[in-house]
N, C-alpha and C. Protein backbone atom coordinates (compact mmCIF):
# COMPACT_ATOMS: atom_id res chain seq x y z
N VAL A 1 0.99 -1.30 0.08
CA VAL A 1 -0.05 -0.19 -0.05
C VAL A 1 0.84 1.34 -0.04
N ASP A 2 0.91 2.11 -0.96
CA ASP A 2 1.49 3.38 -1.33
C ASP A 2 0.56 4.48 -0.64
N LEU A 3 0.58 4.82 0.48
CA LEU A 3 -0.22 6.07 0.82
C LEU A 3 0.84 6.96 1.64
N PRO A 4 0.71 8.12 1.45
CA PRO A 4 1.54 9.23 1.90
C PRO A 4 1.36 9.13 3.51
N ALA A 5 2.52 9.93 4.22
CA ALA A 5 2.53 9.83 5.25
C ALA A 5 2.95 11.13 5.81
N PRO A 6 2.89 11.71 7.10
CA PRO A 6 3.40 12.93 7.39
C PRO A 6 4.67 12.76 7.97
N SER A 7 5.41 13.67 7.96
CA SER A 7 6.78 13.76 8.30
C SER A 7 6.87 13.81 10.06
N ASN A 8 5.60 13.91 10.49
CA ASN A 8 5.59 14.33 11.91
C ASN A 8 5.11 12.44 12.55
N ILE A 9 5.12 11.50 11.88
CA ILE A 9 4.53 10.38 12.66
C ILE A 9 5.09 10.32 14.13
N SER A 10 3.78 10.02 14.56
CA SER A 10 4.08 9.94 16.26
C SER A 10 3.45 8.50 16.78
N VAL A 11 3.13 8.42 17.89
CA VAL A 11 2.38 7.17 18.45
C VAL A 11 1.03 7.04 18.07
N TRP A 12 0.38 8.25 17.61
CA TRP A 12 -0.85 7.90 16.73
C TRP A 12 -0.79 6.76 15.65
N TRP A 13 0.06 6.58 15.10
CA TRP A 13 0.44 5.83 14.12
C TRP A 13 0.68 4.18 14.29
N ASN A 14 0.67 3.95 15.68
CA ASN A 14 0.72 2.55 16.00
C ASN A 14 -0.68 1.83 16.05
N PHE A 15 -1.63 2.63 16.15
CA PHE A 15 -3.22 1.76 16.58
C PHE A 15 -3.46 0.95 15.37
N GLY A 16 -3.04 1.02 14.05
CA GLY A 16 -3.36 0.23 12.86
C GLY A 16 -2.50 -1.41 13.43
N SER A 17 -1.31 -1.24 13.73
CA SER A 17 -0.64 -2.45 14.16
C SER A 17 -1.17 -2.75 15.38
N LEU A 18 -1.67 -2.09 16.34
CA LEU A 18 -2.20 -2.70 17.48
C LEU A 18 -3.49 -3.50 17.06
N LEU A 19 -4.46 -2.94 16.20
CA LEU A 19 -5.69 -3.61 15.57
C LEU A 19 -5.13 -5.05 15.05
N GLY A 20 -3.94 -5.16 14.39
CA GLY A 20 -3.69 -6.32 14.07
C GLY A 20 -3.41 -7.39 14.77
N LEU A 21 -2.71 -7.12 15.99
CA LEU A 21 -2.26 -7.59 17.23
C LEU A 21 -3.68 -8.13 17.87
N CYS A 22 -4.54 -6.98 18.11
CA CYS A 22 -5.71 -7.38 18.84
C CYS A 22 -6.48 -8.60 17.80
N LEU A 23 -6.63 -8.26 16.67
CA LEU A 23 -7.14 -9.25 15.83
C LEU A 23 -6.91 -10.75 16.01
N ALA A 24 -5.69 -10.92 15.99
CA ALA A 24 -4.51 -12.18 16.11
C ALA A 24 -4.93 -12.69 17.51
N THR A 25 -5.14 -11.96 18.45
CA THR A 25 -5.32 -12.42 19.95
C THR A 25 -6.65 -12.81 20.10
N GLN A 26 -7.67 -11.99 19.56
CA GLN A 26 -9.20 -12.43 19.41
C GLN A 26 -9.37 -13.90 18.59
N ILE A 27 -8.79 -14.13 17.56
CA ILE A 27 -8.85 -15.36 16.78
C ILE A 27 -8.18 -16.41 17.66
N LEU A 28 -7.13 -16.26 18.23
CA LEU A 28 -6.71 -17.08 19.07
C LEU A 28 -7.50 -17.58 20.24
N THR A 29 -7.86 -16.73 20.75
CA THR A 29 -8.70 -17.01 21.89
C THR A 29 -9.85 -17.45 21.54
N GLY A 30 -10.66 -16.91 20.61
CA GLY A 30 -11.81 -17.67 20.13
C GLY A 30 -11.96 -19.06 19.66
N LEU A 31 -10.77 -19.48 18.91
CA LEU A 31 -10.71 -20.55 18.71
C LEU A 31 -10.60 -21.70 19.72
N PHE A 32 -9.66 -21.06 21.09
CA PHE A 32 -9.67 -22.04 21.97
C PHE A 32 -11.11 -22.07 22.89
N LEU A 33 -11.75 -21.08 22.80
CA LEU A 33 -13.08 -20.98 23.41
C LEU A 33 -14.29 -21.91 22.55
N ALA A 34 -13.87 -21.70 21.21
CA ALA A 34 -14.82 -22.61 20.78
C ALA A 34 -14.80 -23.98 20.57
N MET A 35 -13.50 -24.65 21.19
CA MET A 35 -13.34 -25.83 21.18
C MET A 35 -14.06 -26.65 22.32
N HIS A 36 -14.60 -25.76 23.53
CA HIS A 36 -15.31 -26.20 24.35
C HIS A 36 -16.63 -25.44 24.53
N TYR A 37 -17.06 -24.76 23.70
CA TYR A 37 -18.46 -24.32 23.82
C TYR A 37 -19.37 -24.83 22.82
N THR A 38 -20.85 -25.16 23.26
CA THR A 38 -21.70 -25.78 22.83
C THR A 38 -22.74 -24.61 22.36
N SER A 39 -23.20 -24.67 20.95
CA SER A 39 -23.99 -23.61 20.54
C SER A 39 -25.60 -23.66 20.70
N ASP A 40 -25.97 -25.07 21.26
CA ASP A 40 -27.29 -24.89 21.69
C ASP A 40 -27.88 -24.02 22.65
N ILE A 41 -28.88 -23.57 22.18
CA ILE A 41 -29.70 -22.51 23.13
C ILE A 41 -29.95 -22.91 24.64
N SER A 42 -30.38 -24.42 24.69
CA SER A 42 -30.28 -24.57 26.18
C SER A 42 -29.00 -25.00 26.87
N THR A 43 -27.93 -25.10 26.18
CA THR A 43 -26.65 -25.63 27.07
C THR A 43 -25.74 -24.69 26.78
N ALA A 44 -25.90 -23.55 25.97
CA ALA A 44 -24.94 -22.46 25.67
C ALA A 44 -24.25 -21.50 27.15
N PHE A 45 -25.32 -21.59 27.92
CA PHE A 45 -24.76 -20.61 29.31
C PHE A 45 -23.99 -21.63 30.13
N SER A 46 -24.46 -22.98 30.27
CA SER A 46 -23.55 -23.91 31.08
C SER A 46 -22.50 -24.10 30.33
N SER A 47 -22.27 -24.16 29.03
CA SER A 47 -20.80 -24.59 28.26
C SER A 47 -19.91 -23.45 28.65
N VAL A 48 -20.52 -22.36 28.98
CA VAL A 48 -19.56 -20.90 29.09
C VAL A 48 -19.23 -21.11 30.84
N ALA A 49 -19.78 -21.54 31.46
CA ALA A 49 -19.72 -21.77 33.14
C ALA A 49 -18.62 -22.94 32.89
N HIS A 50 -19.14 -24.07 32.28
CA HIS A 50 -17.95 -25.15 32.06
C HIS A 50 -16.67 -24.63 31.70
N ILE A 51 -16.60 -24.12 30.69
CA ILE A 51 -15.05 -23.29 30.28
C ILE A 51 -14.28 -22.40 31.40
N CYS A 52 -15.28 -21.92 32.22
CA CYS A 52 -14.66 -20.92 33.15
C CYS A 52 -14.15 -21.63 34.43
N ARG A 53 -14.92 -22.86 34.52
CA ARG A 53 -14.86 -23.29 36.00
C ARG A 53 -13.92 -24.75 35.79
N ASP A 54 -13.95 -25.54 34.82
CA ASP A 54 -13.66 -26.83 34.61
C ASP A 54 -12.38 -26.98 33.75
N VAL A 55 -12.19 -26.07 32.64
CA VAL A 55 -11.15 -25.97 31.64
C VAL A 55 -10.04 -25.40 32.24
N ASN A 56 -8.88 -26.04 32.14
CA ASN A 56 -7.75 -25.51 32.52
C ASN A 56 -7.25 -23.83 31.82
N TYR A 57 -7.48 -23.25 32.64
CA TYR A 57 -7.14 -21.70 32.33
C TYR A 57 -8.11 -21.07 31.47
N GLY A 58 -9.26 -21.84 31.55
CA GLY A 58 -10.57 -21.70 30.71
C GLY A 58 -10.77 -19.98 31.15
N TRP A 59 -10.86 -19.92 32.21
CA TRP A 59 -11.41 -18.51 32.74
C TRP A 59 -10.52 -17.29 32.22
N LEU A 60 -9.08 -17.64 32.18
CA LEU A 60 -8.19 -16.46 31.69
C LEU A 60 -8.34 -16.29 30.35
N ILE A 61 -8.69 -17.54 29.59
CA ILE A 61 -8.88 -17.48 27.98
C ILE A 61 -9.96 -16.30 27.81
N ARG A 62 -11.18 -16.92 28.47
CA ARG A 62 -12.32 -16.09 28.42
C ARG A 62 -12.15 -14.58 28.51
N ASN A 63 -11.54 -14.17 29.96
CA ASN A 63 -11.17 -13.02 30.13
C ASN A 63 -10.51 -12.07 28.91
N MET A 64 -9.67 -12.93 28.95
CA MET A 64 -8.52 -12.28 27.55
C MET A 64 -9.46 -11.88 26.27
N HIS A 65 -10.30 -12.76 25.89
CA HIS A 65 -11.17 -12.73 24.85
C HIS A 65 -12.01 -11.45 25.09
N ALA A 66 -12.68 -11.38 26.19
CA ALA A 66 -13.79 -10.20 26.65
C ALA A 66 -13.05 -9.08 26.51
N ASN A 67 -12.01 -9.10 27.44
CA ASN A 67 -11.29 -7.57 27.48
C ASN A 67 -10.70 -7.27 25.90
N GLY A 68 -10.27 -8.31 25.29
CA GLY A 68 -9.70 -8.20 24.18
C GLY A 68 -10.36 -7.43 23.25
N ALA A 69 -11.92 -7.57 23.16
CA ALA A 69 -12.75 -6.98 22.23
C ALA A 69 -12.97 -5.83 22.64
N SER A 70 -12.92 -5.40 24.14
CA SER A 70 -12.72 -4.06 24.66
C SER A 70 -11.69 -3.05 24.17
N PHE A 71 -10.50 -3.76 24.05
CA PHE A 71 -9.27 -2.80 23.96
C PHE A 71 -9.30 -2.63 22.35
N PHE A 72 -9.92 -3.81 21.48
CA PHE A 72 -9.92 -3.80 20.06
C PHE A 72 -10.62 -2.50 20.07
N PHE A 73 -11.91 -2.24 20.24
CA PHE A 73 -12.68 -1.14 19.95
C PHE A 73 -12.25 0.02 20.56
N ILE A 74 -11.41 0.07 21.71
CA ILE A 74 -10.59 1.16 21.96
C ILE A 74 -9.54 1.94 20.89
N CYS A 75 -8.85 0.69 20.52
CA CYS A 75 -7.98 0.85 19.30
C CYS A 75 -8.37 1.38 18.12
N ILE A 76 -9.66 0.71 17.66
CA ILE A 76 -10.53 1.13 16.56
C ILE A 76 -11.00 2.72 16.40
N TYR A 77 -11.32 3.00 17.77
CA TYR A 77 -11.86 4.24 17.66
C TYR A 77 -10.79 5.14 17.63
N LEU A 78 -9.46 4.91 18.48
CA LEU A 78 -8.34 6.02 18.22
C LEU A 78 -7.67 5.76 16.85
N HIS A 79 -7.60 4.90 16.13
CA HIS A 79 -7.28 4.61 14.96
C HIS A 79 -8.15 5.35 14.04
N VAL A 80 -9.64 5.65 13.91
CA VAL A 80 -10.44 6.59 13.34
C VAL A 80 -10.28 8.07 13.63
N GLY A 81 -10.27 8.28 14.87
CA GLY A 81 -9.77 9.43 15.34
C GLY A 81 -8.68 9.92 14.64
N ARG A 82 -7.57 9.70 14.58
CA ARG A 82 -6.40 9.75 13.69
C ARG A 82 -6.62 10.21 12.39
N GLY A 83 -7.51 9.11 12.13
CA GLY A 83 -7.84 9.06 10.59
C GLY A 83 -8.27 10.60 10.35
N LEU A 84 -9.33 11.02 11.08
CA LEU A 84 -10.21 11.89 11.14
C LEU A 84 -9.21 13.09 11.10
N TYR A 85 -8.24 13.28 12.25
CA TYR A 85 -7.41 14.11 12.24
C TYR A 85 -6.48 14.70 11.09
N TYR A 86 -6.01 13.63 10.73
CA TYR A 86 -5.06 13.80 9.50
C TYR A 86 -5.51 13.70 8.18
N GLY A 87 -6.94 13.73 8.32
CA GLY A 87 -7.56 13.87 6.99
C GLY A 87 -7.34 12.65 5.97
N SER A 88 -7.37 11.59 6.65
CA SER A 88 -7.51 10.10 5.75
C SER A 88 -8.43 9.85 4.98
N PHE A 89 -9.81 10.63 5.33
CA PHE A 89 -10.97 10.33 4.61
C PHE A 89 -11.14 10.91 3.21
N LEU A 90 -10.15 11.71 3.02
CA LEU A 90 -10.11 12.21 1.34
C LEU A 90 -9.28 10.98 0.64
N TYR A 91 -9.25 10.10 0.94
CA TYR A 91 -8.95 8.86 0.38
C TYR A 91 -9.70 8.02 0.46
N LYS A 92 -10.85 8.23 -0.81
CA LYS A 92 -12.10 7.78 -0.60
C LYS A 92 -12.01 6.00 -0.59
N GLU A 93 -11.52 5.08 -1.21
CA GLU A 93 -11.42 3.96 -1.09
C GLU A 93 -10.97 3.48 0.01
N THR A 94 -9.84 4.01 0.61
CA THR A 94 -9.29 3.56 1.86
C THR A 94 -9.98 3.87 2.95
N TRP A 95 -10.68 4.92 2.99
CA TRP A 95 -11.69 5.16 3.80
C TRP A 95 -12.95 4.30 4.09
N ASN A 96 -13.53 4.23 2.87
CA ASN A 96 -14.71 3.24 2.62
C ASN A 96 -14.53 1.99 3.19
N LEU A 97 -13.30 1.35 2.70
CA LEU A 97 -12.86 0.15 3.12
C LEU A 97 -12.64 0.26 4.88
N GLY A 98 -12.19 0.93 5.28
CA GLY A 98 -12.32 1.43 6.74
C GLY A 98 -13.62 1.15 7.49
N VAL A 99 -14.59 1.73 7.06
CA VAL A 99 -15.90 2.10 7.45
C VAL A 99 -16.80 0.72 7.32
N VAL A 100 -16.47 -0.03 5.95
CA VAL A 100 -17.05 -1.50 5.92
C VAL A 100 -16.52 -2.30 6.86
N LEU A 101 -15.14 -2.20 7.30
CA LEU A 101 -14.62 -2.92 8.16
C LEU A 101 -15.12 -2.58 9.43
N LEU A 102 -15.27 -1.50 9.84
CA LEU A 102 -15.91 -1.27 11.22
C LEU A 102 -17.09 -1.72 11.50
N LEU A 103 -17.97 -1.56 10.68
CA LEU A 103 -19.09 -2.22 10.45
C LEU A 103 -19.26 -3.75 10.83
N LEU A 104 -18.24 -4.41 10.08
CA LEU A 104 -18.15 -5.73 10.26
C LEU A 104 -17.77 -6.12 11.50
N VAL A 105 -16.73 -5.38 12.15
CA VAL A 105 -16.33 -5.74 13.56
C VAL A 105 -17.48 -5.32 14.24
N MET A 106 -18.39 -4.31 14.22
CA MET A 106 -19.47 -4.06 15.31
C MET A 106 -20.41 -5.36 15.30
N MET A 107 -20.81 -5.71 13.80
CA MET A 107 -21.82 -6.84 13.97
C MET A 107 -20.91 -8.28 14.42
N THR A 108 -19.63 -8.43 14.12
CA THR A 108 -18.93 -9.74 14.96
C THR A 108 -18.87 -9.69 16.46
N ALA A 109 -18.93 -8.22 16.81
CA ALA A 109 -18.88 -7.97 18.54
C ALA A 109 -20.45 -8.37 18.84
N PHE A 110 -21.14 -8.26 18.29
CA PHE A 110 -22.35 -8.23 18.38
C PHE A 110 -22.92 -10.10 18.76
N VAL A 111 -22.49 -10.77 17.67
CA VAL A 111 -22.68 -11.99 17.71
C VAL A 111 -21.82 -12.67 18.88
N GLY A 112 -20.73 -12.00 19.05
CA GLY A 112 -20.02 -12.53 20.26
C GLY A 112 -20.57 -12.36 21.62
N TYR A 113 -21.21 -11.03 21.64
CA TYR A 113 -22.19 -10.97 22.89
C TYR A 113 -23.26 -11.60 22.97
N VAL A 114 -24.09 -12.14 21.93
CA VAL A 114 -25.08 -12.73 22.14
C VAL A 114 -24.61 -14.48 22.35
N LEU A 115 -23.41 -14.73 21.98
CA LEU A 115 -23.12 -16.48 21.95
C LEU A 115 -23.30 -16.99 23.58
N PRO A 116 -22.72 -16.23 24.52
CA PRO A 116 -22.93 -17.03 25.80
C PRO A 116 -24.46 -17.23 26.26
N TRP A 117 -25.60 -16.70 25.80
CA TRP A 117 -26.80 -16.68 26.04
C TRP A 117 -27.16 -16.49 27.43
N GLY A 118 -26.37 -15.73 28.20
CA GLY A 118 -27.12 -15.57 29.40
C GLY A 118 -28.22 -14.26 29.38
N GLN A 119 -28.60 -13.69 30.54
CA GLN A 119 -29.72 -12.74 30.57
C GLN A 119 -29.14 -10.97 29.82
N MET A 120 -27.90 -10.97 30.14
CA MET A 120 -27.66 -9.85 29.08
C MET A 120 -27.54 -9.69 27.56
N SER A 121 -26.88 -11.17 27.48
CA SER A 121 -27.20 -11.60 26.11
C SER A 121 -28.42 -11.69 25.52
N PHE A 122 -29.27 -12.08 25.99
CA PHE A 122 -30.80 -12.25 25.60
C PHE A 122 -31.53 -10.76 25.51
N TRP A 123 -31.23 -10.13 26.35
CA TRP A 123 -31.57 -8.61 26.46
C TRP A 123 -31.10 -7.82 25.59
N GLY A 124 -30.06 -7.91 25.05
CA GLY A 124 -29.03 -7.31 24.10
C GLY A 124 -29.49 -7.65 22.75
N ALA A 125 -29.73 -8.94 22.49
CA ALA A 125 -30.39 -9.48 21.45
C ALA A 125 -31.85 -8.68 21.15
N THR A 126 -32.48 -8.86 22.19
CA THR A 126 -33.88 -8.27 22.03
C THR A 126 -33.88 -6.71 21.92
N VAL A 127 -32.96 -6.23 22.17
CA VAL A 127 -33.08 -4.71 22.03
C VAL A 127 -32.56 -4.32 20.39
N ILE A 128 -31.53 -4.97 20.07
CA ILE A 128 -30.86 -4.77 18.64
C ILE A 128 -32.05 -5.40 17.65
N THR A 129 -32.52 -6.48 17.88
CA THR A 129 -33.45 -6.79 16.90
C THR A 129 -34.76 -6.17 17.00
N ASN A 130 -35.18 -5.22 17.76
CA ASN A 130 -36.50 -4.48 17.92
C ASN A 130 -36.03 -3.38 17.33
N LEU A 131 -34.69 -2.61 17.45
CA LEU A 131 -34.08 -1.64 17.05
C LEU A 131 -34.02 -1.90 15.15
N LEU A 132 -33.62 -2.95 15.02
CA LEU A 132 -33.54 -3.22 13.50
C LEU A 132 -34.63 -3.37 12.83
N SER A 133 -35.71 -3.95 13.62
CA SER A 133 -37.01 -3.99 12.87
C SER A 133 -37.73 -2.76 12.92
N ALA A 134 -37.43 -1.65 13.51
CA ALA A 134 -38.03 -0.09 13.40
C ALA A 134 -37.41 0.25 11.92
N VAL A 135 -36.13 -0.17 11.60
CA VAL A 135 -35.61 0.40 10.03
C VAL A 135 -36.63 -0.24 9.06
N PRO A 136 -37.19 0.53 8.10
CA PRO A 136 -38.07 0.20 7.08
C PRO A 136 -37.17 -0.44 6.25
């Protein structure tokens, strides 16, 4: 990718690389969690409890995955903020690709939020589906 960069590159230009690191961590921890997760509605919550209680370091992997998602979004928002500050939106194709990726990450995060199927997941899914049903 041959994009112009300012001569005053600072720490704000690290967030793209941090996003790649966050994505790799999320994929790795997600794969480990998926090995013990059951996707049936009646057993999803108990499989998450099983991961946290019975699987070796399952609690650590789940917390790394949950907190990694939050850190991922912090890096995304700082990356978008840096792009707005430096005028990266002037490069339409690059900016539009970033917006599409942001929407995909938000949809993926919603699916990850619903997967444990606890009370928070149920009501989060209810609110979002009701919100989307209001869109014509």
